[in-house]
Every structure is written in C-alpha cells, then in structure tokens.
Amino acid sequence: MRIEKYIPVATLQPFIKSFMIIESDYAVQNQILPDTAVVMAFRLRGTVMEKDQGILPATVLGGLRKSYRSLAYAANTANLLIVFREDGAAAFFKEPLHELFGASASLDNFIRRQQLDDITEQLASAPDNQACIDIIQRFLLTAWKQAKPDLLVQEALRSIRQANGNLRIKELLQELHISQDAFEKRFRKITGASPKQFASIVRLRSLIGRADGSTFTELAYEAGYFDQAHFIKDFKSFTGKTPGEFYRSALYW
C-alpha cells in the first residue's frame, strides 16, 4: 500500500489538514483507528469494503467515530482522501456534522448530483495524482463558505488538546463562560462530535502515542482511568485489540 500526502493551497490550509492518495496493487485489509477529523473520500478505482457494511460508495463523507474501522481494499484500488482540520469541514458543509458521528454517508447527500458527477468524471480522466488533487482543490475553493471561524470552539479544541483529552467539560465551560447547552450545540455542529466524545478520542489517541515503556496501569492512570476494566474495554473498542495485543502488532496508526 502506497500513501502520498499533499499540502493544500494556502487558502485551504486553515480548513484542510492534508490530501492523501492511498493506492494498493494487491488486496489488503486495513484497520483504521478513530481520529478527530471528518474525512471526504473519492474512489479513483477499485473497490473498498467495510466489515458488516459491504462495498462503500464511490464518494463518501465520513464522520468522527469512537471505534475502529476494518476496511478491505481490492487489488488495484486507489482512493483520494480530504482530511479536514478539527473545525474545518463546517466551512464547506451546512449540515450539522454531528449527525455523521459513527457513520459514513454518500456525498450525494451533501453535494448536488450533477456537480458530483462532473467531479468524478474529471477525476476519471485526470492524467496523474497531482491533477486529481488540483480538481478537488478547485471544487473546495468554490464550495468554501468564507464564514468566520468560531473562536470559542477553537479555544475549546486547544484546551482539550493541551489536556490530552483528560479534562472535565464543566471545567472547560467555566473557562469559556458559556452555558453547557449553547456550547455543546456549537461544538457538535462544527466538529462532528460532542465535547465528551471528542475528548475521549483525543485521550485514547494521546495515550497510544505516549506508549513509551510504561505499564498499562500507568498509562491508564495518566489518561484519567481509575478502573482498569473500563480502560481495557474502551481501548479494545477503540483499537479492536486489548492493550497487550495492540502493542505487539507489527503496524498500527
């Protein structure tokens, strides 16, 4: 499997983390850990299947989720992914993004069918990967709403990141001086998850990244878990493996 990353043009960089083209000459199974980004995908060729879901649509918008995904790529498959920043997708879609939590939906639910057909036809005739990226960037520049960023949500995201997801939402609300209902509504619409769901993803991603020889008990305690059974349950839902199985795996990301 080959993965190529592309940096967005300057105008899109506040909203798009990266473009990725994932190609596989051979059939391969891949396990995807939850992350904090909404992802848009265009299949350039081949097929992708998700366990218990069957073949995925050729164009998809994927929401945040709390558990891993198991994807099977057929031989000679290529996909173009647009990985949004944590508050970036809301600049292109008017729909409340939290309705996508734990799910993926065909892009024709968000983009006019004729426009989507035009994009996929252009991608099919593109001479190379860079040309595919250019097509998608032109589309995104026309779809960009040019709305002002929600500074309060951005501040909340920074606080959650700084705490590695291990903070109480009530404490965050005190810092932001806003009611819980108003805050959660704004946060969900922009990021695609509730503050608690988002912090949980950050907490487990951070925990995995800090695996530096500490015992699982130490890791769990540092991440705010005081119940080992609860930690193992959350970890297995997140990765598909117990901590021991996961860290013995040859590859994880």
C-alpha atoms as a PDB file:
ATOM      1  CA  MET A   1       0.000   0.000   0.000  1.00  0.00           C
ATOM      2  CA  ARG A   2       1.344   3.415  -1.006  1.00  0.00           C
ATOM      3  CA  ILE A   3       0.302   6.659   0.673  1.00  0.00           C
ATOM      4  CA  GLU A   4       1.079  10.048  -0.861  1.00  0.00           C
ATOM      5  CA  LYS A   5       0.342  13.244   1.082  1.00  0.00           C
ATOM      6  CA  TYR A   6      -0.233  16.656  -0.478  1.00  0.00           C
ATOM      7  CA  ILE A   7      -0.289  20.069   1.186  1.00  0.00           C
ATOM      8  CA  PRO A   8      -3.351  22.218   0.388  1.00  0.00           C
ATOM      9  CA  VAL A   9      -3.032  25.620  -1.247  1.00  0.00           C
ATOM     10  CA  ALA A  10      -2.665  28.474   1.232  1.00  0.00           C
ATOM     11  CA  THR A  11      -6.348  29.487   1.138  1.00  0.00           C
ATOM     12  CA  LEU A  12      -7.450  25.985   2.175  1.00  0.00           C
ATOM     13  CA  GLN A  13      -4.798  25.314   4.813  1.00  0.00           C
ATOM     14  CA  PRO A  14      -6.855  26.724   7.737  1.00  0.00           C
ATOM     15  CA  PHE A  15      -9.528  24.114   6.948  1.00  0.00           C
ATOM     16  CA  ILE A  16      -7.757  21.143   5.327  1.00  0.00           C
ATOM     17  CA  LYS A  17      -5.058  19.190   7.142  1.00  0.00           C
ATOM     18  CA  SER A  18      -3.922  17.247   4.099  1.00  0.00           C
ATOM     19  CA  PHE A  19      -4.869  15.450   0.910  1.00  0.00           C
ATOM     20  CA  MET A  20      -3.930  11.783   0.702  1.00  0.00           C
ATOM     21  CA  ILE A  21      -3.934   9.297  -2.151  1.00  0.00           C
ATOM     22  CA  ILE A  22      -3.875   5.688  -0.972  1.00  0.00           C
ATOM     23  CA  GLU A  23      -3.072   3.071  -3.617  1.00  0.00           C
ATOM     24  CA  SER A  24      -2.833  -0.692  -3.358  1.00  0.00           C
ATOM     25  CA  ASP A  25      -1.719  -3.058  -6.106  1.00  0.00           C
ATOM     26  CA  TYR A  26      -2.811  -6.065  -4.073  1.00  0.00           C
ATOM     27  CA  ALA A  27      -5.819  -6.873  -1.930  1.00  0.00           C
ATOM     28  CA  VAL A  28      -5.177  -5.685   1.625  1.00  0.00           C
ATOM     29  CA  GLN A  29      -7.009  -5.401   4.946  1.00  0.00           C
ATOM     30  CA  ASN A  30      -6.521  -2.239   6.957  1.00  0.00           C
ATOM     31  CA  GLN A  31      -7.630  -1.263  10.442  1.00  0.00           C
ATOM     32  CA  ILE A  32      -8.277   2.456  10.920  1.00  0.00           C
ATOM     33  CA  LEU A  33      -8.187   3.980  14.397  1.00  0.00           C
ATOM     34  CA  PRO A  34     -10.637   6.767  15.301  1.00  0.00           C
ATOM     35  CA  ASP A  35      -9.362  10.295  14.835  1.00  0.00           C
ATOM     36  CA  THR A  36     -10.665  13.827  15.273  1.00  0.00           C
ATOM     37  CA  ALA A  37     -11.064  14.685  11.588  1.00  0.00           C
ATOM     38  CA  VAL A  38     -14.039  14.488   9.258  1.00  0.00           C
ATOM     39  CA  VAL A  39     -12.807  12.848   6.042  1.00  0.00           C
ATOM     40  CA  MET A  40     -14.132  13.098   2.493  1.00  0.00           C
ATOM     41  CA  ALA A  41     -13.185  10.319   0.075  1.00  0.00           C
ATOM     42  CA  PHE A  42     -13.303   9.810  -3.687  1.00  0.00           C
ATOM     43  CA  ARG A  43     -12.589   6.332  -5.021  1.00  0.00           C
ATOM     44  CA  LEU A  44     -10.426   6.653  -8.123  1.00  0.00           C
ATOM     45  CA  ARG A  45     -10.523   2.954  -8.972  1.00  0.00           C
ATOM     46  CA  GLY A  46     -11.191  -0.463  -7.446  1.00  0.00           C
ATOM     47  CA  THR A  47     -13.481  -1.201  -4.509  1.00  0.00           C
ATOM     48  CA  VAL A  48     -13.363  -0.799  -0.738  1.00  0.00           C
ATOM     49  CA  MET A  49     -15.433  -2.913   1.633  1.00  0.00           C
ATOM     50  CA  GLU A  50     -16.172  -2.282   5.288  1.00  0.00           C
ATOM     51  CA  LYS A  51     -16.801  -5.170   7.615  1.00  0.00           C
ATOM     52  CA  ASP A  52     -20.560  -5.705   8.117  1.00  0.00           C
ATOM     53  CA  GLN A  53     -21.307  -2.834   5.689  1.00  0.00           C
ATOM     54  CA  GLY A  54     -20.355  -4.216   2.273  1.00  0.00           C
ATOM     55  CA  ILE A  55     -18.910  -2.144  -0.566  1.00  0.00           C
ATOM     56  CA  LEU A  56     -18.610   1.541   0.281  1.00  0.00           C
ATOM     57  CA  PRO A  57     -19.980   4.220  -2.081  1.00  0.00           C
ATOM     58  CA  ALA A  58     -17.522   5.713  -4.567  1.00  0.00           C
ATOM     59  CA  THR A  59     -17.802   9.106  -2.853  1.00  0.00           C
ATOM     60  CA  VAL A  60     -18.155   9.330   0.918  1.00  0.00           C
ATOM     61  CA  LEU A  61     -18.164  11.782   3.801  1.00  0.00           C
ATOM     62  CA  GLY A  62     -17.042  10.061   6.987  1.00  0.00           C
ATOM     63  CA  GLY A  63     -17.825  11.389  10.444  1.00  0.00           C
ATOM     64  CA  LEU A  64     -15.909  11.018  13.677  1.00  0.00           C
ATOM     65  CA  ARG A  65     -16.309   7.730  15.500  1.00  0.00           C
ATOM     66  CA  LYS A  66     -15.362   6.109  18.791  1.00  0.00           C
ATOM     67  CA  SER A  67     -14.420   2.661  17.474  1.00  0.00           C
ATOM     68  CA  TYR A  68     -12.040   1.348  14.848  1.00  0.00           C
ATOM     69  CA  ARG A  69     -12.965   0.536  11.247  1.00  0.00           C
ATOM     70  CA  SER A  70     -11.909  -2.571   9.348  1.00  0.00           C
ATOM     71  CA  LEU A  71     -11.557  -1.862   5.614  1.00  0.00           C
ATOM     72  CA  ALA A  72     -10.710  -4.302   2.829  1.00  0.00           C
ATOM     73  CA  TYR A  73      -9.154  -2.839  -0.313  1.00  0.00           C
ATOM     74  CA  ALA A  74      -9.459  -4.870  -3.509  1.00  0.00           C
ATOM     75  CA  ALA A  75      -6.434  -5.250  -5.768  1.00  0.00           C
ATOM     76  CA  ASN A  76      -5.645  -2.192  -7.911  1.00  0.00           C
ATOM     77  CA  THR A  77      -7.569   0.223  -5.698  1.00  0.00           C
ATOM     78  CA  ALA A  78      -6.910   3.948  -5.268  1.00  0.00           C
ATOM     79  CA  ASN A  79      -8.666   6.484  -3.058  1.00  0.00           C
ATOM     80  CA  LEU A  80      -8.300  10.229  -2.675  1.00  0.00           C
ATOM     81  CA  LEU A  81      -8.918  11.454   0.878  1.00  0.00           C
ATOM     82  CA  ILE A  82      -9.519  15.005   2.052  1.00  0.00           C
ATOM     83  CA  VAL A  83      -8.647  15.159   5.761  1.00  0.00           C
ATOM     84  CA  PHE A  84     -10.237  18.234   7.300  1.00  0.00           C
ATOM     85  CA  ARG A  85      -8.945  20.073  10.334  1.00  0.00           C
ATOM     86  CA  GLU A  86     -10.955  19.578  13.505  1.00  0.00           C
ATOM     87  CA  ASP A  87     -13.160  22.600  12.832  1.00  0.00           C
ATOM     88  CA  GLY A  88     -12.570  22.754   9.083  1.00  0.00           C
ATOM     89  CA  ALA A  89     -15.366  20.718   7.481  1.00  0.00           C
ATOM     90  CA  ALA A  90     -18.029  23.149   8.708  1.00  0.00           C
ATOM     91  CA  ALA A  91     -16.631  25.732   6.278  1.00  0.00           C
ATOM     92  CA  PHE A  92     -17.848  23.585   3.372  1.00  0.00           C
ATOM     93  CA  PHE A  93     -20.992  21.822   4.604  1.00  0.00           C
ATOM     94  CA  LYS A  94     -24.095  23.449   6.071  1.00  0.00           C
ATOM     95  CA  GLU A  95     -25.396  20.179   7.547  1.00  0.00           C
ATOM     96  CA  PRO A  96     -24.781  19.576  11.301  1.00  0.00           C
ATOM     97  CA  LEU A  97     -21.740  17.315  11.238  1.00  0.00           C
ATOM     98  CA  HIS A  98     -22.587  15.502  14.486  1.00  0.00           C
ATOM     99  CA  GLU A  99     -25.330  13.666  12.589  1.00  0.00           C
ATOM    100  CA  LEU A 100     -22.497  11.762  10.900  1.00  0.00           C
ATOM    101  CA  PHE A 101     -20.924  10.582  14.151  1.00  0.00           C
ATOM    102  CA  GLY A 102     -20.063   6.887  13.911  1.00  0.00           C
ATOM    103  CA  ALA A 103     -21.147   6.705  10.271  1.00  0.00           C
ATOM    104  CA  SER A 104     -20.288   7.447   6.657  1.00  0.00           C
ATOM    105  CA  ALA A 105     -22.697   8.752   4.039  1.00  0.00           C
ATOM    106  CA  SER A 106     -22.607   9.056   0.273  1.00  0.00           C
ATOM    107  CA  LEU A 107     -21.517  12.517  -0.839  1.00  0.00           C
ATOM    108  CA  ASP A 108     -24.665  12.972  -2.923  1.00  0.00           C
ATOM    109  CA  ASN A 109     -26.382  13.721   0.397  1.00  0.00           C
ATOM    110  CA  PHE A 110     -24.262  16.870   0.655  1.00  0.00           C
ATOM    111  CA  ILE A 111     -23.345  17.851  -2.917  1.00  0.00           C
ATOM    112  CA  ARG A 112     -25.638  18.232  -5.928  1.00  0.00           C
ATOM    113  CA  ARG A 113     -25.685  15.058  -8.011  1.00  0.00           C
ATOM    114  CA  GLN A 114     -24.752  16.858 -11.247  1.00  0.00           C
ATOM    115  CA  GLN A 115     -21.811  18.604  -9.606  1.00  0.00           C
ATOM    116  CA  LEU A 116     -20.626  15.348  -8.076  1.00  0.00           C
ATOM    117  CA  ASP A 117     -20.870  13.581 -11.437  1.00  0.00           C
ATOM    118  CA  ASP A 118     -18.793  16.344 -13.032  1.00  0.00           C
ATOM    119  CA  ILE A 119     -16.086  15.956 -10.384  1.00  0.00           C
ATOM    120  CA  THR A 120     -15.910  12.166 -10.677  1.00  0.00           C
ATOM    121  CA  GLU A 121     -15.727  12.410 -14.493  1.00  0.00           C
ATOM    122  CA  GLN A 122     -12.846  14.866 -14.227  1.00  0.00           C
ATOM    123  CA  LEU A 123     -11.047  12.594 -11.761  1.00  0.00           C
ATOM    124  CA  ALA A 124     -11.506   9.600 -14.070  1.00  0.00           C
ATOM    125  CA  SER A 125      -9.775  11.444 -16.924  1.00  0.00           C
ATOM    126  CA  ALA A 126      -7.030  13.076 -14.811  1.00  0.00           C
ATOM    127  CA  PRO A 127      -3.540  12.159 -16.080  1.00  0.00           C
ATOM    128  CA  ASP A 128      -1.898  11.804 -12.645  1.00  0.00           C
ATOM    129  CA  ASN A 129      -2.367  12.153  -8.899  1.00  0.00           C
ATOM    130  CA  GLN A 130      -1.440  15.820  -8.794  1.00  0.00           C
ATOM    131  CA  ALA A 131      -4.112  16.571 -11.385  1.00  0.00           C
ATOM    132  CA  CYS A 132      -6.649  14.790  -9.160  1.00  0.00           C
ATOM    133  CA  ILE A 133      -5.630  16.952  -6.207  1.00  0.00           C
ATOM    134  CA  ASP A 134      -5.960  20.095  -8.332  1.00  0.00           C
ATOM    135  CA  ILE A 135      -9.513  19.109  -9.351  1.00  0.00           C
ATOM    136  CA  ILE A 136     -10.568  18.635  -5.739  1.00  0.00           C
ATOM    137  CA  GLN A 137      -8.933  21.885  -4.627  1.00  0.00           C
ATOM    138  CA  ARG A 138     -10.801  23.844  -7.306  1.00  0.00           C
ATOM    139  CA  PHE A 139     -14.064  22.274  -6.128  1.00  0.00           C
ATOM    140  CA  LEU A 140     -13.348  23.086  -2.474  1.00  0.00           C
ATOM    141  CA  LEU A 141     -12.495  26.697  -3.273  1.00  0.00           C
ATOM    142  CA  THR A 142     -15.915  27.107  -4.890  1.00  0.00           C
ATOM    143  CA  ALA A 143     -17.677  25.291  -2.005  1.00  0.00           C
ATOM    144  CA  TRP A 144     -15.933  27.322   0.722  1.00  0.00           C
ATOM    145  CA  LYS A 145     -18.494  29.419   2.620  1.00  0.00           C
ATOM    146  CA  GLN A 146     -15.928  32.012   3.783  1.00  0.00           C
ATOM    147  CA  ALA A 147     -17.641  32.182   7.172  1.00  0.00           C
ATOM    148  CA  LYS A 148     -15.733  33.479  10.185  1.00  0.00           C
ATOM    149  CA  PRO A 149     -14.238  30.755  12.414  1.00  0.00           C
ATOM    150  CA  ASP A 150     -15.894  30.090  15.766  1.00  0.00           C
ATOM    151  CA  LEU A 151     -13.199  31.358  18.124  1.00  0.00           C
ATOM    152  CA  LEU A 152     -14.878  29.856  21.184  1.00  0.00           C
ATOM    153  CA  VAL A 153     -14.855  26.379  19.646  1.00  0.00           C
ATOM    154  CA  GLN A 154     -11.234  26.856  18.585  1.00  0.00           C
ATOM    155  CA  GLU A 155     -10.319  27.759  22.169  1.00  0.00           C
ATOM    156  CA  ALA A 156     -12.138  24.667  23.426  1.00  0.00           C
ATOM    157  CA  LEU A 157     -10.221  22.492  20.954  1.00  0.00           C
ATOM    158  CA  ARG A 158      -6.926  23.936  22.178  1.00  0.00           C
ATOM    159  CA  SER A 159      -7.857  23.252  25.804  1.00  0.00           C
ATOM    160  CA  ILE A 160      -8.855  19.659  25.059  1.00  0.00           C
ATOM    161  CA  ARG A 161      -5.617  19.088  23.162  1.00  0.00           C
ATOM    162  CA  GLN A 162      -3.455  20.616  25.893  1.00  0.00           C
ATOM    163  CA  ALA A 163      -5.074  18.317  28.458  1.00  0.00           C
ATOM    164  CA  ASN A 164      -4.647  15.286  26.153  1.00  0.00           C
ATOM    165  CA  GLY A 165      -8.414  14.856  26.380  1.00  0.00           C
ATOM    166  CA  ASN A 166      -8.297  14.335  30.138  1.00  0.00           C
ATOM    167  CA  LEU A 167     -10.440  17.184  31.433  1.00  0.00           C
ATOM    168  CA  ARG A 168     -13.933  17.715  32.757  1.00  0.00           C
ATOM    169  CA  ILE A 169     -16.310  19.513  30.432  1.00  0.00           C
ATOM    170  CA  LYS A 170     -17.665  21.525  33.395  1.00  0.00           C
ATOM    171  CA  GLU A 171     -14.177  22.914  33.981  1.00  0.00           C
ATOM    172  CA  LEU A 172     -13.943  23.821  30.303  1.00  0.00           C
ATOM    173  CA  LEU A 173     -17.283  25.630  30.466  1.00  0.00           C
ATOM    174  CA  GLN A 174     -16.056  27.720  33.386  1.00  0.00           C
ATOM    175  CA  GLU A 175     -13.059  28.819  31.330  1.00  0.00           C
ATOM    176  CA  LEU A 176     -15.233  29.700  28.330  1.00  0.00           C
ATOM    177  CA  HIS A 177     -18.051  31.412  30.274  1.00  0.00           C
ATOM    178  CA  ILE A 178     -20.884  29.791  28.332  1.00  0.00           C
ATOM    179  CA  SER A 179     -23.817  27.538  29.201  1.00  0.00           C
ATOM    180  CA  GLN A 180     -23.487  23.817  28.537  1.00  0.00           C
ATOM    181  CA  ASP A 181     -26.393  23.605  26.078  1.00  0.00           C
ATOM    182  CA  ALA A 182     -25.214  26.534  23.956  1.00  0.00           C
ATOM    183  CA  PHE A 183     -21.626  25.305  23.944  1.00  0.00           C
ATOM    184  CA  GLU A 184     -22.442  21.709  23.055  1.00  0.00           C
ATOM    185  CA  LYS A 185     -24.697  22.786  20.186  1.00  0.00           C
ATOM    186  CA  ARG A 186     -21.953  24.931  18.633  1.00  0.00           C
ATOM    187  CA  PHE A 187     -19.221  22.358  19.266  1.00  0.00           C
ATOM    188  CA  ARG A 188     -21.188  19.426  17.783  1.00  0.00           C
ATOM    189  CA  LYS A 189     -22.205  21.294  14.656  1.00  0.00           C
ATOM    190  CA  ILE A 190     -18.650  22.370  13.865  1.00  0.00           C
ATOM    191  CA  THR A 191     -16.531  19.383  14.915  1.00  0.00           C
ATOM    192  CA  GLY A 192     -18.940  16.499  14.346  1.00  0.00           C
ATOM    193  CA  ALA A 193     -18.879  15.226  17.939  1.00  0.00           C
ATOM    194  CA  SER A 194     -19.953  16.276  21.410  1.00  0.00           C
ATOM    195  CA  PRO A 195     -17.194  17.717  23.617  1.00  0.00           C
ATOM    196  CA  LYS A 196     -17.177  14.494  25.666  1.00  0.00           C
ATOM    197  CA  GLN A 197     -16.924  12.281  22.577  1.00  0.00           C
ATOM    198  CA  PHE A 198     -14.192  14.454  21.114  1.00  0.00           C
ATOM    199  CA  ALA A 199     -12.176  14.476  24.340  1.00  0.00           C
ATOM    200  CA  SER A 200     -12.450  10.687  24.564  1.00  0.00           C
ATOM    201  CA  ILE A 201     -10.935  10.289  21.088  1.00  0.00           C
ATOM    202  CA  VAL A 202      -8.127  12.725  21.941  1.00  0.00           C
ATOM    203  CA  ARG A 203      -7.472  10.929  25.225  1.00  0.00           C
ATOM    204  CA  LEU A 204      -7.051   7.487  23.649  1.00  0.00           C
ATOM    205  CA  ARG A 205      -5.045   8.776  20.671  1.00  0.00           C
ATOM    206  CA  SER A 206      -2.751  10.588  23.098  1.00  0.00           C
ATOM    207  CA  LEU A 207      -2.426   7.510  25.285  1.00  0.00           C
ATOM    208  CA  ILE A 208      -1.404   5.383  22.294  1.00  0.00           C
ATOM    209  CA  GLY A 209       1.173   7.978  21.259  1.00  0.00           C
ATOM    210  CA  ARG A 210       2.691   8.030  24.772  1.00  0.00           C
ATOM    211  CA  ALA A 211       3.327   4.278  24.955  1.00  0.00           C
ATOM    212  CA  ASP A 212       6.994   4.532  25.952  1.00  0.00           C
ATOM    213  CA  GLY A 213       7.585   1.519  28.148  1.00  0.00           C
ATOM    214  CA  SER A 214       5.077   2.471  30.853  1.00  0.00           C
ATOM    215  CA  THR A 215       2.866  -0.283  32.196  1.00  0.00           C
ATOM    216  CA  PHE A 216      -0.754  -0.386  31.068  1.00  0.00           C
ATOM    217  CA  THR A 217      -1.797   0.537  34.592  1.00  0.00           C
ATOM    218  CA  GLU A 218       0.418   3.633  34.480  1.00  0.00           C
ATOM    219  CA  LEU A 219      -0.900   4.594  31.047  1.00  0.00           C
ATOM    220  CA  ALA A 220      -4.496   4.174  32.167  1.00  0.00           C
ATOM    221  CA  TYR A 221      -3.923   6.258  35.300  1.00  0.00           C
ATOM    222  CA  GLU A 222      -2.191   9.050  33.354  1.00  0.00           C
ATOM    223  CA  ALA A 223      -5.141   9.145  30.950  1.00  0.00           C
ATOM    224  CA  GLY A 224      -7.610   9.565  33.803  1.00  0.00           C
ATOM    225  CA  TYR A 225      -8.822   5.976  34.075  1.00  0.00           C
ATOM    226  CA  PHE A 226      -9.155   4.691  37.631  1.00  0.00           C
ATOM    227  CA  ASP A 227     -10.883   1.450  36.655  1.00  0.00           C
ATOM    228  CA  GLN A 228      -8.640  -0.990  34.760  1.00  0.00           C
ATOM    229  CA  ALA A 229     -11.603  -2.899  33.337  1.00  0.00           C
ATOM    230  CA  HIS A 230     -13.107   0.338  31.970  1.00  0.00           C
ATOM    231  CA  PHE A 231      -9.780   1.253  30.396  1.00  0.00           C
ATOM    232  CA  ILE A 232      -9.392  -2.128  28.684  1.00  0.00           C
ATOM    233  CA  LYS A 233     -12.990  -2.025  27.418  1.00  0.00           C
ATOM    234  CA  ASP A 234     -12.552   1.454  25.909  1.00  0.00           C
ATOM    235  CA  PHE A 235      -9.156   0.547  24.468  1.00  0.00           C
ATOM    236  CA  LYS A 236     -10.481  -2.594  22.771  1.00  0.00           C
ATOM    237  CA  SER A 237     -13.448  -0.725  21.304  1.00  0.00           C
ATOM    238  CA  PHE A 238     -11.054   1.955  20.022  1.00  0.00           C
ATOM    239  CA  THR A 239      -8.443  -0.363  18.504  1.00  0.00           C
ATOM    240  CA  GLY A 240     -10.077  -3.782  18.157  1.00  0.00           C
ATOM    241  CA  LYS A 241      -7.418  -5.269  20.436  1.00  0.00           C
ATOM    242  CA  THR A 242      -6.512  -5.433  24.097  1.00  0.00           C
ATOM    243  CA  PRO A 243      -3.522  -3.210  25.037  1.00  0.00           C
ATOM    244  CA  GLY A 244      -1.192  -6.211  25.012  1.00  0.00           C
ATOM    245  CA  GLU A 245      -2.361  -7.393  21.597  1.00  0.00           C
ATOM    246  CA  PHE A 246      -2.249  -3.899  20.171  1.00  0.00           C
ATOM    247  CA  TYR A 247       1.324  -3.065  21.147  1.00  0.00           C
ATOM    248  CA  ARG A 248       2.534  -6.446  19.919  1.00  0.00           C
ATOM    249  CA  SER A 249       1.065  -5.691  16.486  1.00  0.00           C
ATOM    250  CA  ALA A 250       3.560  -5.079  13.715  1.00  0.00           C
ATOM    251  CA  LEU A 251       1.725  -1.989  12.441  1.00  0.00           C
ATOM    252  CA  TYR A 252      -0.750   0.444  13.886  1.00  0.00           C
ATOM    253  CA  TRP A 253      -1.717   4.038  13.043  1.00  0.00           C
END
